[in-house]
C-alpha atoms as a PDB file:
ATOM      1  CA  UNK A   1       0.073   0.033  -0.012  1.00  0.00           C
ATOM      2  CA  UNK A   2       1.454   3.278  -1.022  1.00  0.00           C
ATOM      3  CA  UNK A   3       1.595   6.585   1.086  1.00  0.00           C
ATOM      4  CA  UNK A   4      -0.958   8.384  -1.211  1.00  0.00           C
ATOM      5  CA  UNK A   5      -3.488   5.574  -0.644  1.00  0.00           C
ATOM      6  CA  UNK A   6      -3.013   5.471   3.031  1.00  0.00           C
ATOM      7  CA  UNK A   7      -3.563   9.211   3.265  1.00  0.00           C
ATOM      8  CA  UNK A   8      -6.639   8.896   1.097  1.00  0.00           C
ATOM      9  CA  UNK A   9      -8.086   6.156   3.333  1.00  0.00           C
ATOM     10  CA  UNK A  10      -7.347   8.082   6.510  1.00  0.00           C
ATOM     11  CA  UNK A  11      -8.815  11.214   5.044  1.00  0.00           C
ATOM     12  CA  UNK A  12     -11.930   9.266   4.023  1.00  0.00           C
ATOM     13  CA  UNK A  13     -12.335   7.706   7.466  1.00  0.00           C
ATOM     14  CA  UNK A  14     -11.989  11.007   9.124  1.00  0.00           C
ATOM     15  CA  UNK A  15     -14.450  12.931   6.976  1.00  0.00           C
ATOM     16  CA  UNK A  16     -17.010  10.108   7.048  1.00  0.00           C
ATOM     17  CA  UNK A  17     -16.909  10.012  10.888  1.00  0.00           C
ATOM     18  CA  UNK A  18     -17.110  13.865  10.870  1.00  0.00           C
ATOM     19  CA  UNK A  19     -20.260  13.689   8.469  1.00  0.00           C
ATOM     20  CA  UNK A  20     -21.908  11.049  10.631  1.00  0.00           C
ATOM     21  CA  UNK A  21     -21.572  13.001  13.923  1.00  0.00           C
ATOM     22  CA  UNK A  22     -22.580  16.156  12.102  1.00  0.00           C
ATOM     23  CA  UNK A  23     -25.654  14.360  10.947  1.00  0.00           C
ATOM     24  CA  UNK A  24     -26.533  13.286  14.443  1.00  0.00           C
ATOM     25  CA  UNK A  25     -25.750  16.759  15.643  1.00  0.00           C
ATOM     26  CA  UNK A  26     -27.682  18.621  13.086  1.00  0.00           C
ATOM     27  CA  UNK A  27     -24.502  20.671  12.169  1.00  0.00           C
ATOM     28  CA  UNK A  28     -25.171  20.886   8.381  1.00  0.00           C
ATOM     29  CA  UNK A  29     -22.363  23.259   7.707  1.00  0.00           C
ATOM     30  CA  UNK A  30     -19.750  20.810   9.312  1.00  0.00           C
ATOM     31  CA  UNK A  31     -21.563  17.809   7.611  1.00  0.00           C
ATOM     32  CA  UNK A  32     -21.551  19.473   4.190  1.00  0.00           C
ATOM     33  CA  UNK A  33     -17.821  20.430   4.419  1.00  0.00           C
ATOM     34  CA  UNK A  34     -17.078  16.802   5.088  1.00  0.00           C
ATOM     35  CA  UNK A  35     -19.249  15.552   2.574  1.00  0.00           C
ATOM     36  CA  UNK A  36     -17.589  17.675  -0.169  1.00  0.00           C
ATOM     37  CA  UNK A  37     -14.317  16.119   0.874  1.00  0.00           C
ATOM     38  CA  UNK A  38     -15.779  12.720   0.724  1.00  0.00           C
ATOM     39  CA  UNK A  39     -17.099  13.406  -2.888  1.00  0.00           C
ATOM     40  CA  UNK A  40     -13.683  14.522  -3.948  1.00  0.00           C
ATOM     41  CA  UNK A  41     -12.158  11.234  -2.770  1.00  0.00           C
ATOM     42  CA  UNK A  42     -14.877   9.436  -4.355  1.00  0.00           C
ATOM     43  CA  UNK A  43     -14.317  11.065  -7.669  1.00  0.00           C
ATOM     44  CA  UNK A  44     -10.583  10.151  -7.433  1.00  0.00           C
ATOM     45  CA  UNK A  45     -11.676   6.584  -6.719  1.00  0.00           C
ATOM     46  CA  UNK A  46     -13.955   6.349  -9.708  1.00  0.00           C
ATOM     47  CA  UNK A  47     -11.090   7.643 -11.948  1.00  0.00           C
ATOM     48  CA  UNK A  48      -8.802   4.922 -10.652  1.00  0.00           C
ATOM     49  CA  UNK A  49     -10.552   1.486 -10.470  1.00  0.00           C
ATOM     50  CA  UNK A  50      -7.470  -0.367  -8.910  1.00  0.00           C
ATOM     51  CA  UNK A  51      -7.054   2.340  -6.343  1.00  0.00           C
ATOM     52  CA  UNK A  52     -10.869   2.106  -5.494  1.00  0.00           C
ATOM     53  CA  UNK A  53     -10.862  -1.530  -5.235  1.00  0.00           C
ATOM     54  CA  UNK A  54      -8.023  -1.403  -2.871  1.00  0.00           C
ATOM     55  CA  UNK A  55      -9.388   1.221  -0.652  1.00  0.00           C
ATOM     56  CA  UNK A  56     -12.839  -0.178  -0.618  1.00  0.00           C
ATOM     57  CA  UNK A  57     -11.380  -3.574   0.606  1.00  0.00           C
ATOM     58  CA  UNK A  58     -10.189  -1.622   3.614  1.00  0.00           C
ATOM     59  CA  UNK A  59     -13.007   0.889   4.056  1.00  0.00           C
ATOM     60  CA  UNK A  60     -15.700  -1.897   4.059  1.00  0.00           C
ATOM     61  CA  UNK A  61     -14.006  -3.557   6.964  1.00  0.00           C
ATOM     62  CA  UNK A  62     -14.113  -0.254   9.190  1.00  0.00           C
ATOM     63  CA  UNK A  63     -16.086  -0.418  12.379  1.00  0.00           C
ATOM     64  CA  UNK A  64     -17.661   3.016  11.906  1.00  0.00           C
ATOM     65  CA  UNK A  65     -20.971   2.885  10.409  1.00  0.00           C
ATOM     66  CA  UNK A  66     -20.957   5.960   8.362  1.00  0.00           C
ATOM     67  CA  UNK A  67     -17.627   4.707   6.813  1.00  0.00           C
ATOM     68  CA  UNK A  68     -19.156   1.566   5.846  1.00  0.00           C
ATOM     69  CA  UNK A  69     -22.237   3.442   4.437  1.00  0.00           C
ATOM     70  CA  UNK A  70     -20.288   5.669   2.313  1.00  0.00           C
ATOM     71  CA  UNK A  71     -17.908   2.835   1.139  1.00  0.00           C
ATOM     72  CA  UNK A  72     -20.859   0.661   0.325  1.00  0.00           C
ATOM     73  CA  UNK A  73     -22.396   3.489  -1.765  1.00  0.00           C
ATOM     74  CA  UNK A  74     -19.211   3.992  -3.842  1.00  0.00           C
ATOM     75  CA  UNK A  75     -18.888   0.023  -4.199  1.00  0.00           C
ATOM     76  CA  UNK A  76     -22.531   0.062  -5.421  1.00  0.00           C
ATOM     77  CA  UNK A  77     -21.981   2.806  -8.017  1.00  0.00           C
ATOM     78  CA  UNK A  78     -18.941   0.801  -9.359  1.00  0.00           C
ATOM     79  CA  UNK A  79     -20.560  -2.517  -9.217  1.00  0.00           C
ATOM     80  CA  UNK A  80     -17.857  -3.871  -6.649  1.00  0.00           C
ATOM     81  CA  UNK A  81     -18.770  -6.677  -4.304  1.00  0.00           C
ATOM     82  CA  UNK A  82     -22.533  -5.759  -4.801  1.00  0.00           C
ATOM     83  CA  UNK A  83     -23.964  -8.831  -2.925  1.00  0.00           C
ATOM     84  CA  UNK A  84     -21.576  -8.360   0.066  1.00  0.00           C
ATOM     85  CA  UNK A  85     -22.321  -4.596  -0.045  1.00  0.00           C
ATOM     86  CA  UNK A  86     -26.237  -5.241  -0.110  1.00  0.00           C
ATOM     87  CA  UNK A  87     -26.019  -7.523   2.990  1.00  0.00           C
ATOM     88  CA  UNK A  88     -23.855  -4.926   4.799  1.00  0.00           C
ATOM     89  CA  UNK A  89     -26.368  -2.176   4.120  1.00  0.00           C
ATOM     90  CA  UNK A  90     -29.276  -4.164   5.106  1.00  0.00           C
ATOM     91  CA  UNK A  91     -27.626  -4.904   8.376  1.00  0.00           C
ATOM     92  CA  UNK A  92     -26.724  -1.371   8.975  1.00  0.00           C
ATOM     93  CA  UNK A  93     -30.433  -0.427   8.132  1.00  0.00           C
ATOM     94  CA  UNK A  94     -31.698  -2.819  10.828  1.00  0.00           C
ATOM     95  CA  UNK A  95     -29.536  -1.283  13.577  1.00  0.00           C
ATOM     96  CA  UNK A  96     -31.484   0.942  15.868  1.00  0.00           C
ATOM     97  CA  UNK A  97     -28.405   2.058  17.706  1.00  0.00           C
ATOM     98  CA  UNK A  98     -27.036   3.907  14.820  1.00  0.00           C
ATOM     99  CA  UNK A  99     -30.059   6.061  14.443  1.00  0.00           C
ATOM    100  CA  UNK A 100     -30.371   8.190  11.225  1.00  0.00           C
ATOM    101  CA  UNK A 101     -27.524   6.634   9.722  1.00  0.00           C
ATOM    102  CA  UNK A 102     -29.443   3.331   9.453  1.00  0.00           C
ATOM    103  CA  UNK A 103     -32.008   5.398   7.425  1.00  0.00           C
ATOM    104  CA  UNK A 104     -29.238   6.457   5.205  1.00  0.00           C
ATOM    105  CA  UNK A 105     -28.405   2.867   4.501  1.00  0.00           C
ATOM    106  CA  UNK A 106     -31.998   1.951   3.839  1.00  0.00           C
ATOM    107  CA  UNK A 107     -32.408   4.795   1.249  1.00  0.00           C
ATOM    108  CA  UNK A 108     -29.137   3.694  -0.517  1.00  0.00           C
ATOM    109  CA  UNK A 109     -30.765   0.301  -0.765  1.00  0.00           C
ATOM    110  CA  UNK A 110     -34.133   1.672  -1.938  1.00  0.00           C
ATOM    111  CA  UNK A 111     -32.428   3.844  -4.598  1.00  0.00           C
ATOM    112  CA  UNK A 112     -30.380   0.839  -5.778  1.00  0.00           C
ATOM    113  CA  UNK A 113     -33.596  -1.112  -6.013  1.00  0.00           C
ATOM    114  CA  UNK A 114     -35.261   1.417  -8.265  1.00  0.00           C
ATOM    115  CA  UNK A 115     -32.232   1.400 -11.047  1.00  0.00           C
END
């Protein structure tokens, strides 16, 4: 794993955690800022499939629910590990302890089902 990928993974995790906390707290400015950074990283991942797959293999194993939710969303967009990711999102959507983030997971699944 190269230094750039490690830094991207760390930045992804940091911003997904910030985004999740901001969602809970209703801090939309902080959440939007973290979301913008996540979208930038997502774009880099979509431009480099090998990088994306290596990053997703790590991010999908993270314990933080919002890290998994963001990683699952990217994986679905790329058609990567779709069955595994669907199961992960279903499990997350059924976890009352993660609150509104579970609803986010459910909405990703519903959006995917409509495509």
